[in-house]
């Protein structure tokens, strides 16, 4: 660090001067000396790395070259406090590099006194807080996202309670179904939390929701690698849970020899827009299979749709701006979903659709 007099740092002796210079020069923080006219008198290596100027370029220049023009009044206030013998502690502000780019810094400014105790300048320490600011920004965004998602989860749970209660007369059955559906929401939530709400793999989502039902050897998955956005994770997760529950009780996973095949693909439609197609197909040797098996009947014999059917035919497709079909026949069930790709995947990860997986 270049030391000057009388505006430089006070040095009681040569040894102290050498130690001080070594400490300042090895600091990771930018340490700058300036006189009471805001002219730079001292400049360490960290300041050079941070701001891009060499000591030869800035010593003798006004420190205003480091301050954005609209913030020049900040320096006037700082020098005013220094003249009064006051310091400036941990001021978070913005400074300008040699290339014109801006950097978030935390600065501390202290008066420099000569041997007579007179204030002759100021020492300024600047620390780069760009990473900290970015972390704060990410945390704020994440908290807003979590707040939004929690409120959305509450709405979904209330809807589940309402719709399930309409279709259940047994309190024990009602509790069991609500518990299972809330746990399914929790599994989707866990996947999103793991990725900091950046999305989740469709492959992981299917596996996570079908894991509780076992029989992995009778379930096959095939399709391109896709990272789903949070809304798709929640709604497709609900659909997979309802399909898996139905299959384990009444469908392919409830009988020996049954098989579940889940396939998805991405195609470009006539309007040049890419669309997402998913097909859940299960086959069984049993004579009857399908969601209708647990729907029950309203009084008078009218067929009543179960909550699972509502999720598959209305909730999931509408939430994804798409459409669906549900076909049931002896020993077979098919659920197909068609939706615009932009409603399904995280936009910047769309290129992932080129690679396929099959399990």
Protein backbone atom coordinates (compact mmCIF):
# COMPACT_ATOMS: atom_id res chain seq x y z
CA UNK A 1 0.00 0.00 0.00
CA UNK A 2 1.34 3.42 -0.87
CA UNK A 3 1.64 5.67 2.21
CA UNK A 4 1.67 9.46 1.94
CA UNK A 5 2.12 12.35 4.30
CA UNK A 6 0.55 14.40 5.77
CA UNK A 7 -2.69 12.83 4.47
CA UNK A 8 -1.59 9.24 5.01
CA UNK A 9 -1.95 7.01 8.06
CA UNK A 10 -0.17 8.04 11.25
CA UNK A 11 3.00 5.91 11.81
CA UNK A 12 4.70 5.95 15.24
CA UNK A 13 7.84 4.14 13.99
CA UNK A 14 9.29 2.26 11.03
CA UNK A 15 8.55 -1.23 12.40
CA UNK A 16 4.92 -0.37 13.06
CA UNK A 17 4.74 1.13 9.59
CA UNK A 18 6.02 -2.10 8.02
CA UNK A 19 3.57 -4.25 9.99
CA UNK A 20 0.67 -1.95 9.13
CA UNK A 21 1.59 -1.96 5.45
CA UNK A 22 1.78 -5.76 5.41
CA UNK A 23 -1.60 -6.10 7.11
CA UNK A 24 -3.26 -3.62 4.77
CA UNK A 25 -1.66 -5.07 1.66
CA UNK A 26 -2.78 -8.64 2.48
CA UNK A 27 -6.35 -7.68 3.31
CA UNK A 28 -9.17 -9.13 1.21
CA UNK A 29 -11.10 -5.89 1.75
CA UNK A 30 -10.41 -2.77 -0.25
CA UNK A 31 -8.67 -0.21 1.99
CA UNK A 32 -8.54 3.34 0.68
CA UNK A 33 -7.11 6.52 2.17
CA UNK A 34 -8.40 9.96 1.19
CA UNK A 35 -7.93 13.53 2.32
CA UNK A 36 -10.65 15.92 3.43
CA UNK A 37 -11.23 16.96 -0.18
CA UNK A 38 -12.09 13.35 -1.07
CA UNK A 39 -8.85 12.92 -3.02
CA UNK A 40 -7.47 9.37 -2.92
CA UNK A 41 -4.12 9.12 -1.12
CA UNK A 42 -3.77 5.36 -0.47
CA UNK A 43 -4.90 2.25 -2.36
CA UNK A 44 -4.21 -1.42 -1.52
CA UNK A 45 -4.14 -4.47 -3.80
CA UNK A 46 -7.65 -5.54 -2.79
CA UNK A 47 -8.96 -2.15 -3.94
CA UNK A 48 -7.26 -2.74 -7.29
CA UNK A 49 -8.90 -6.17 -7.60
CA UNK A 50 -12.29 -4.87 -6.56
CA UNK A 51 -12.47 -1.70 -8.65
CA UNK A 52 -10.08 -2.44 -11.53
CA UNK A 53 -7.87 0.63 -11.08
CA UNK A 54 -4.16 0.44 -10.28
CA UNK A 55 -2.76 2.68 -7.52
CA UNK A 56 -1.04 4.82 -10.15
CA UNK A 57 -4.37 5.47 -11.87
CA UNK A 58 -6.35 6.58 -8.83
CA UNK A 59 -3.98 8.19 -6.31
CA UNK A 60 -4.51 11.93 -6.70
CA UNK A 61 -7.97 11.40 -8.21
CA UNK A 62 -11.28 12.19 -6.52
CA UNK A 63 -12.97 9.22 -4.90
CA UNK A 64 -16.07 10.28 -6.82
CA UNK A 65 -14.77 8.18 -9.73
CA UNK A 66 -15.89 5.17 -7.67
CA UNK A 67 -19.34 6.54 -6.86
CA UNK A 68 -22.31 6.53 -9.28
CA UNK A 69 -23.17 10.10 -10.26
CA UNK A 70 -26.61 10.07 -8.67
CA UNK A 71 -24.98 9.12 -5.34
CA UNK A 72 -22.31 11.85 -5.16
CA UNK A 73 -24.15 13.54 -2.29
CA UNK A 74 -23.33 10.48 -0.19
CA UNK A 75 -19.64 11.40 -0.25
CA UNK A 76 -20.42 14.98 0.81
CA UNK A 77 -22.25 13.65 3.85
CA UNK A 78 -19.44 11.21 4.69
CA UNK A 79 -16.75 13.90 4.54
CA UNK A 80 -18.94 16.17 6.68
CA UNK A 81 -19.10 13.49 9.37
CA UNK A 82 -15.35 12.87 9.17
CA UNK A 83 -14.61 16.60 9.62
CA UNK A 84 -16.72 16.46 12.81
CA UNK A 85 -14.65 13.55 14.04
CA UNK A 86 -17.41 11.01 13.47
CA UNK A 87 -17.07 7.67 11.74
CA UNK A 88 -19.33 5.81 9.33
CA UNK A 89 -19.94 2.19 10.25
CA UNK A 90 -21.19 -0.57 7.93
CA UNK A 91 -22.92 1.53 5.29
CA UNK A 92 -24.33 -0.70 2.55
CA UNK A 93 -24.12 1.15 -0.74
CA UNK A 94 -23.14 0.88 -4.39
CA UNK A 95 -19.83 1.69 -6.03
CA UNK A 96 -18.63 1.79 -9.65
CA UNK A 97 -15.76 -0.18 -11.18
CA UNK A 98 -13.37 1.04 -13.85
CA UNK A 99 -15.41 -0.76 -16.55
CA UNK A 100 -18.57 1.04 -15.42
CA UNK A 101 -20.18 -1.97 -13.77
CA UNK A 102 -21.72 -1.54 -10.33
CA UNK A 103 -20.81 -3.46 -7.20
CA UNK A 104 -22.65 -3.76 -3.88
CA UNK A 105 -20.33 -2.92 -0.99
CA UNK A 106 -20.39 -2.37 2.74
CA UNK A 107 -18.11 0.51 3.73
CA UNK A 108 -16.66 1.69 7.01
CA UNK A 109 -15.06 5.13 7.13
CA UNK A 110 -12.95 6.45 10.03
CA UNK A 111 -11.11 9.76 10.57
CA UNK A 112 -7.30 9.85 10.21
CA UNK A 113 -5.46 12.11 12.67
CA UNK A 114 -1.88 13.36 12.50
CA UNK A 115 0.60 13.43 15.40
CA UNK A 116 -1.05 16.61 16.67
CA UNK A 117 -4.46 14.96 16.80
CA UNK A 118 -5.81 16.96 13.88
CA UNK A 119 -8.13 15.25 11.39
CA UNK A 120 -6.31 15.18 8.06
CA UNK A 121 -8.23 12.57 6.11
CA UNK A 122 -10.19 9.33 6.28
CA UNK A 123 -9.55 5.61 5.91
CA UNK A 124 -12.25 3.66 4.11
CA UNK A 125 -12.70 -0.10 4.11
CA UNK A 126 -14.97 -1.54 1.41
CA UNK A 127 -16.18 -5.14 1.40
CA UNK A 128 -17.81 -6.78 -1.62
CA UNK A 129 -21.29 -7.94 -0.53
CA UNK A 130 -22.56 -8.94 -3.97
CA UNK A 131 -22.92 -12.60 -2.97
CA UNK A 132 -24.66 -11.70 0.28
CA UNK A 133 -27.08 -9.41 -1.56
CA UNK A 134 -27.81 -12.13 -4.11
CA UNK A 135 -28.46 -14.59 -1.28
CA UNK A 136 -30.82 -12.11 0.36
CA UNK A 137 -32.64 -11.63 -2.94
CA UNK A 138 -32.99 -15.38 -3.42
CA UNK A 139 -34.26 -15.81 0.14
CA UNK A 140 -36.87 -13.08 -0.37
CA UNK A 141 -38.02 -14.67 -3.62
CA UNK A 142 -38.11 -18.08 -1.99
CA UNK A 143 -40.10 -16.82 0.98
CA UNK A 144 -42.64 -15.16 -1.33
CA UNK A 145 -42.87 -18.39 -3.30
CA UNK A 146 -43.26 -20.45 -0.13
CA UNK A 147 -45.94 -18.09 1.15
CA UNK A 148 -47.82 -18.39 -2.14
CA UNK A 149 -47.46 -22.17 -2.19
CA UNK A 150 -48.54 -22.60 1.43
CA UNK A 151 -51.71 -20.60 0.79
CA UNK A 152 -52.31 -22.69 -2.32
CA UNK A 153 -51.77 -25.88 -0.33
CA UNK A 154 -54.31 -24.73 2.25
CA UNK A 155 -56.84 -24.16 -0.52
CA UNK A 156 -56.15 -27.61 -1.98
CA UNK A 157 -56.48 -29.28 1.41
CA UNK A 158 -59.77 -27.51 2.12
CA UNK A 159 -61.04 -28.67 -1.26
CA UNK A 160 -59.93 -32.21 -0.50
CA UNK A 161 -61.73 -32.18 2.84
CA UNK A 162 -64.90 -30.81 1.29
CA UNK A 163 -64.99 -33.16 -1.70
CA UNK A 164 -63.93 -36.23 0.27
CA UNK A 165 -66.55 -35.60 2.95
CA UNK A 166 -69.23 -35.50 0.27
CA UNK A 167 -68.23 -38.97 -0.86
CA UNK A 168 -67.69 -40.73 2.47
CA UNK A 169 -70.13 -41.79 5.17
CA UNK A 170 -67.61 -43.67 7.31
CA UNK A 171 -65.50 -41.38 9.58
CA UNK A 172 -62.64 -43.89 9.66
CA UNK A 173 -62.58 -44.12 5.87
CA UNK A 174 -62.75 -40.32 5.60
CA UNK A 175 -59.76 -39.90 7.93
CA UNK A 176 -57.75 -42.52 6.06
CA UNK A 177 -58.39 -40.97 2.65
CA UNK A 178 -57.66 -37.41 3.83
CA UNK A 179 -54.46 -38.53 5.53
CA UNK A 180 -53.27 -40.31 2.37
CA UNK A 181 -54.05 -37.31 0.14
CA UNK A 182 -52.32 -34.84 2.44
CA UNK A 183 -49.27 -37.10 2.56
CA UNK A 184 -49.29 -37.16 -1.25
CA UNK A 185 -49.23 -33.35 -1.28
CA UNK A 186 -46.37 -33.51 1.18
CA UNK A 187 -44.34 -35.76 -1.15
CA UNK A 188 -44.74 -33.25 -3.99
CA UNK A 189 -43.84 -30.46 -1.59
CA UNK A 190 -40.68 -32.29 -0.50
CA UNK A 191 -39.49 -32.58 -4.10
CA UNK A 192 -39.97 -28.85 -4.62
CA UNK A 193 -38.24 -27.91 -1.37
CA UNK A 194 -35.25 -30.08 -2.31
CA UNK A 195 -34.83 -28.06 -5.51
CA UNK A 196 -35.60 -24.71 -3.79
CA UNK A 197 -38.84 -24.55 -5.75
CA UNK A 198 -37.00 -24.72 -9.06
CA UNK A 199 -39.10 -27.70 -10.18
CA UNK A 200 -38.90 -31.48 -10.10
CA UNK A 201 -38.18 -34.29 -12.53
CA UNK A 202 -41.30 -35.98 -13.92
CA UNK A 203 -39.54 -39.31 -13.49
CA UNK A 204 -38.87 -38.56 -9.79
CA UNK A 205 -42.44 -37.35 -9.28
CA UNK A 206 -43.99 -40.56 -10.62
CA UNK A 207 -41.63 -42.74 -8.58
CA UNK A 208 -42.23 -40.75 -5.40
CA UNK A 209 -46.01 -41.08 -5.63
CA UNK A 210 -46.09 -44.74 -6.62
CA UNK A 211 -43.46 -45.87 -4.09
CA UNK A 212 -46.02 -46.37 -1.24
CA UNK A 213 -47.96 -48.91 -3.32
CA UNK A 214 -44.99 -51.21 -4.01
CA UNK A 215 -44.90 -53.61 -7.00
CA UNK A 216 -42.19 -51.54 -8.72
CA UNK A 217 -41.43 -54.48 -10.99
CA UNK A 218 -44.91 -54.16 -12.49
CA UNK A 219 -44.64 -50.45 -13.26
CA UNK A 220 -42.80 -49.09 -16.30
CA UNK A 221 -41.98 -45.48 -17.14
CA UNK A 222 -40.88 -44.12 -20.48
CA UNK A 223 -40.43 -40.62 -21.83
CA UNK A 224 -38.06 -37.67 -22.26
CA UNK A 225 -36.33 -36.06 -19.30
CA UNK A 226 -38.51 -33.16 -18.17
CA UNK A 227 -38.25 -30.77 -15.25
CA UNK A 228 -41.74 -29.81 -14.15
CA UNK A 229 -42.66 -26.39 -12.85
CA UNK A 230 -44.19 -26.26 -9.38
CA UNK A 231 -47.83 -26.07 -10.49
CA UNK A 232 -47.40 -29.17 -12.65
CA UNK A 233 -45.64 -30.99 -9.80
CA UNK A 234 -48.58 -30.41 -7.50
CA UNK A 235 -51.36 -31.27 -9.93
CA UNK A 236 -49.71 -34.22 -11.64
CA UNK A 237 -48.69 -35.46 -8.20
CA UNK A 238 -52.34 -35.47 -7.13
CA UNK A 239 -53.29 -37.35 -10.29
CA UNK A 240 -50.58 -40.00 -9.82
CA UNK A 241 -51.64 -40.51 -6.21
CA UNK A 242 -55.28 -41.04 -7.15
CA UNK A 243 -54.34 -43.39 -10.00
CA UNK A 244 -51.92 -45.31 -7.79
CA UNK A 245 -54.42 -45.62 -4.95
CA UNK A 246 -57.12 -46.85 -7.30
CA UNK A 247 -54.77 -49.31 -8.98
CA UNK A 248 -53.60 -50.76 -5.67
CA UNK A 249 -57.17 -51.30 -4.47
CA UNK A 250 -59.14 -52.13 -7.59
CA UNK A 251 -56.81 -52.22 -10.58
CA UNK A 252 -53.63 -53.70 -11.99
CA UNK A 253 -51.62 -53.51 -8.77
CA UNK A 254 -54.37 -55.30 -6.84
CA UNK A 255 -54.19 -58.49 -8.90
CA UNK A 256 -51.39 -60.84 -9.90
CA UNK A 257 -50.19 -60.27 -13.44
CA UNK A 258 -51.40 -56.65 -13.58
CA UNK A 259 -49.15 -54.03 -15.14
CA UNK A 260 -49.00 -50.23 -15.17
CA UNK A 261 -47.32 -48.37 -18.01
CA UNK A 262 -46.77 -44.61 -17.87
CA UNK A 263 -45.47 -42.91 -21.00
CA UNK A 264 -45.08 -39.30 -22.01
CA UNK A 265 -43.85 -37.44 -25.05
CA UNK A 266 -43.49 -33.95 -26.46
CA UNK A 267 -44.83 -33.14 -29.91
CA UNK A 268 -45.12 -30.05 -32.05
CA UNK A 269 -48.71 -29.34 -33.07
CA UNK A 270 -50.03 -27.85 -36.32
CA UNK A 271 -49.81 -24.38 -34.75
CA UNK A 272 -46.05 -24.93 -34.15
CA UNK A 273 -46.61 -25.01 -30.40
CA UNK A 274 -45.07 -27.87 -28.45
CA UNK A 275 -47.49 -30.00 -26.49
CA UNK A 276 -47.12 -32.51 -23.69
CA UNK A 277 -48.87 -35.88 -23.89
CA UNK A 278 -49.02 -38.31 -20.98
CA UNK A 279 -50.68 -41.72 -20.90
CA UNK A 280 -51.34 -43.88 -17.85
CA UNK A 281 -52.37 -47.35 -18.99
CA UNK A 282 -52.95 -50.32 -16.73
CA UNK A 283 -54.04 -53.82 -17.63
CA UNK A 284 -55.19 -56.67 -15.45
CA UNK A 285 -56.68 -60.11 -15.84
CA UNK A 286 -59.45 -59.03 -13.47
CA UNK A 287 -62.87 -58.61 -15.01
CA UNK A 288 -63.41 -55.17 -13.55
CA UNK A 289 -60.92 -52.35 -13.20
CA UNK A 290 -61.20 -48.60 -12.89
CA UNK A 291 -61.87 -45.55 -10.81
CA UNK A 292 -65.59 -46.17 -11.09
CA UNK A 293 -65.30 -49.18 -8.78
CA UNK A 294 -65.11 -46.93 -5.71
CA UNK A 295 -67.37 -44.12 -6.78
CA UNK A 296 -70.52 -45.51 -5.26
CA UNK A 297 -74.07 -44.45 -6.06
CA UNK A 298 -76.16 -41.52 -4.99
CA UNK A 299 -79.58 -42.23 -3.50
CA UNK A 300 -81.91 -43.37 -6.23
CA UNK A 301 -79.12 -45.11 -8.17
CA UNK A 302 -77.50 -42.07 -9.86
CA UNK A 303 -73.77 -42.54 -10.43
CA UNK A 304 -71.59 -40.30 -8.32
CA UNK A 305 -68.09 -39.23 -9.34
CA UNK A 306 -65.38 -39.95 -6.79
CA UNK A 307 -62.78 -37.38 -5.82
CA UNK A 308 -60.16 -39.24 -7.84
CA UNK A 309 -62.27 -38.98 -10.98
CA UNK A 310 -62.76 -35.25 -10.34
CA UNK A 311 -58.99 -34.78 -10.06
CA UNK A 312 -58.32 -36.72 -13.27
CA UNK A 313 -61.10 -35.28 -15.40
CA UNK A 314 -61.26 -31.70 -14.16
CA UNK A 315 -58.73 -30.48 -11.57
CA UNK A 316 -55.47 -31.63 -13.18
CA UNK A 317 -56.25 -30.81 -16.83
CA UNK A 318 -57.81 -27.43 -16.07
CA UNK A 319 -54.92 -26.43 -13.81
CA UNK A 320 -52.51 -27.20 -16.66
CA UNK A 321 -54.60 -25.50 -19.39
CA UNK A 322 -55.11 -28.88 -21.03
CA UNK A 323 -57.61 -31.67 -21.50
CA UNK A 324 -57.87 -35.28 -20.43
CA UNK A 325 -59.73 -38.49 -21.13
CA UNK A 326 -60.49 -41.39 -18.82
CA UNK A 327 -61.44 -44.74 -20.35
CA UNK A 328 -62.45 -47.81 -18.36
CA UNK A 329 -63.14 -51.28 -19.63
CA UNK A 330 -62.87 -54.87 -18.45
CA UNK A 331 -59.30 -55.33 -17.27
CA UNK A 332 -58.09 -51.95 -18.51
CA UNK A 333 -57.90 -48.30 -17.51
CA UNK A 334 -56.43 -45.43 -19.55
CA UNK A 335 -55.93 -41.84 -18.49
CA UNK A 336 -54.53 -39.47 -21.11
CA UNK A 337 -53.51 -35.86 -20.54
CA UNK A 338 -52.74 -33.30 -23.24
CA UNK A 339 -51.42 -29.84 -22.32
CA UNK A 340 -49.24 -27.06 -23.74
CA UNK A 341 -45.61 -27.76 -22.87
CA UNK A 342 -45.12 -24.28 -21.39
CA UNK A 343 -47.68 -25.15 -18.69
CA UNK A 344 -45.71 -28.25 -17.74
CA UNK A 345 -41.97 -27.62 -17.73
CA UNK A 346 -39.57 -25.06 -16.35
CA UNK A 347 -38.99 -22.81 -19.41
CA UNK A 348 -35.21 -22.61 -19.39
CA UNK A 349 -34.95 -26.39 -19.17
CA UNK A 350 -36.99 -27.12 -22.28
CA UNK A 351 -33.93 -28.47 -24.08
CA UNK A 352 -34.00 -31.49 -21.75
CA UNK A 353 -36.83 -33.00 -23.78
CA UNK A 354 -34.32 -34.43 -26.25
CA UNK A 355 -33.21 -37.34 -24.04
CA UNK A 356 -35.44 -40.27 -23.24
CA UNK A 357 -35.58 -42.57 -20.26
CA UNK A 358 -37.28 -45.92 -19.92
CA UNK A 359 -37.60 -47.98 -16.76
